[in-house]
């Protein structure tokens, strides 16, 4: 885990345990991933995650990225960034942004 953020690790473990759908790696998904990466200057993994969220018609896309990063510029995807508050690694708050 990055910088031994145990609270963040626990948060992600709880979240991923609740996933009920996974996006299939189809040719269409790969094309969408490449398009998003080029259009928004996304890293490969961010483009895969965003394309999956769009394909599954996710209500929200939750990320550990900070606002201002390319993920927050994707149109028609509600992006929620988890930010650490204070000096502890136990409190998080969410920042939501939707670009239409």
Protein backbone atom coordinates (compact mmCIF):
# COMPACT_ATOMS: atom_id res chain seq x y z
CA UNK A 1 0.00 0.00 0.00
CA UNK A 2 1.27 3.45 -0.88
CA UNK A 3 2.89 5.08 2.17
CA UNK A 4 1.37 2.39 4.40
CA UNK A 5 -2.08 4.04 4.39
CA UNK A 6 -3.91 1.36 6.35
CA UNK A 7 -7.21 3.29 6.51
CA UNK A 8 -7.16 3.71 2.73
CA UNK A 9 -6.40 0.01 2.31
CA UNK A 10 -9.35 -0.93 4.53
CA UNK A 11 -11.65 1.45 2.66
CA UNK A 12 -10.74 -0.11 -0.70
CA UNK A 13 -11.06 -3.67 0.63
CA UNK A 14 -14.57 -2.93 1.90
CA UNK A 15 -15.51 -1.22 -1.34
CA UNK A 16 -14.23 -3.94 -3.67
CA UNK A 17 -15.93 -6.64 -1.62
CA UNK A 18 -19.27 -5.09 -2.68
CA UNK A 19 -18.72 -5.09 -6.46
CA UNK A 20 -21.48 -6.90 -8.30
CA UNK A 21 -20.49 -6.25 -11.94
CA UNK A 22 -17.24 -6.42 -13.90
CA UNK A 23 -16.70 -5.02 -17.40
CA UNK A 24 -15.63 -7.51 -20.05
CA UNK A 25 -12.45 -6.84 -22.04
CA UNK A 26 -14.10 -6.66 -25.48
CA UNK A 27 -12.79 -5.01 -28.66
CA UNK A 28 -15.30 -2.19 -28.07
CA UNK A 29 -13.97 -1.70 -24.54
CA UNK A 30 -10.39 -1.56 -25.78
CA UNK A 31 -11.34 1.03 -28.42
CA UNK A 32 -13.15 3.15 -25.81
CA UNK A 33 -10.14 2.88 -23.50
CA UNK A 34 -7.74 4.07 -26.19
CA UNK A 35 -10.07 6.93 -27.14
CA UNK A 36 -10.41 8.10 -23.52
CA UNK A 37 -6.66 7.87 -22.93
CA UNK A 38 -5.95 10.08 -25.94
CA UNK A 39 -8.79 12.52 -25.41
CA UNK A 40 -8.14 13.17 -21.71
CA UNK A 41 -4.42 12.31 -21.42
CA UNK A 42 -5.17 9.43 -19.05
CA UNK A 43 -2.75 6.78 -17.90
CA UNK A 44 -3.52 3.31 -19.22
CA UNK A 45 -5.00 2.06 -15.95
CA UNK A 46 -7.12 5.20 -15.47
CA UNK A 47 -8.45 4.87 -19.02
CA UNK A 48 -9.36 1.20 -18.41
CA UNK A 49 -11.16 2.06 -15.19
CA UNK A 50 -13.02 5.03 -16.72
CA UNK A 51 -14.05 3.04 -19.81
CA UNK A 52 -15.33 0.26 -17.54
CA UNK A 53 -17.34 2.71 -15.46
CA UNK A 54 -18.88 4.24 -18.57
CA UNK A 55 -19.65 0.82 -20.12
CA UNK A 56 -21.38 -0.31 -16.93
CA UNK A 57 -23.27 3.00 -16.66
CA UNK A 58 -21.84 3.62 -13.20
CA UNK A 59 -23.61 6.26 -11.14
CA UNK A 60 -20.29 7.35 -9.67
CA UNK A 61 -16.60 6.77 -10.25
CA UNK A 62 -14.63 6.80 -6.99
CA UNK A 63 -10.90 7.44 -7.12
CA UNK A 64 -7.96 8.22 -4.88
CA UNK A 65 -6.81 10.81 -7.43
CA UNK A 66 -6.81 14.45 -6.46
CA UNK A 67 -9.11 17.00 -8.11
CA UNK A 68 -7.49 18.57 -11.13
CA UNK A 69 -6.16 15.25 -12.44
CA UNK A 70 -7.30 14.11 -15.91
CA UNK A 71 -9.94 11.70 -14.54
CA UNK A 72 -11.94 14.67 -13.31
CA UNK A 73 -12.25 16.07 -16.86
CA UNK A 74 -14.10 13.11 -18.38
CA UNK A 75 -17.48 14.17 -19.70
CA UNK A 76 -20.64 12.42 -18.51
CA UNK A 77 -18.84 10.62 -15.70
CA UNK A 78 -19.44 11.64 -12.10
CA UNK A 79 -16.02 11.42 -10.46
CA UNK A 80 -15.64 11.37 -6.69
CA UNK A 81 -12.17 11.85 -5.32
CA UNK A 82 -11.39 10.72 -1.81
CA UNK A 83 -9.24 13.24 0.01
CA UNK A 84 -7.54 12.67 3.31
CA UNK A 85 -8.45 15.24 5.94
CA UNK A 86 -6.15 16.42 8.69
CA UNK A 87 -2.95 14.70 9.74
CA UNK A 88 -4.48 11.28 10.42
CA UNK A 89 -5.02 8.50 7.93
CA UNK A 90 -8.45 7.67 9.30
CA UNK A 91 -10.60 10.55 8.03
CA UNK A 92 -11.57 10.98 4.41
CA UNK A 93 -13.97 13.28 2.68
CA UNK A 94 -15.29 13.17 -0.87
CA UNK A 95 -15.07 15.72 -3.64
CA UNK A 96 -17.57 15.22 -6.44
CA UNK A 97 -17.41 16.64 -9.95
CA UNK A 98 -19.56 16.00 -12.99
CA UNK A 99 -18.81 17.54 -16.38
CA UNK A 100 -21.66 17.36 -18.87
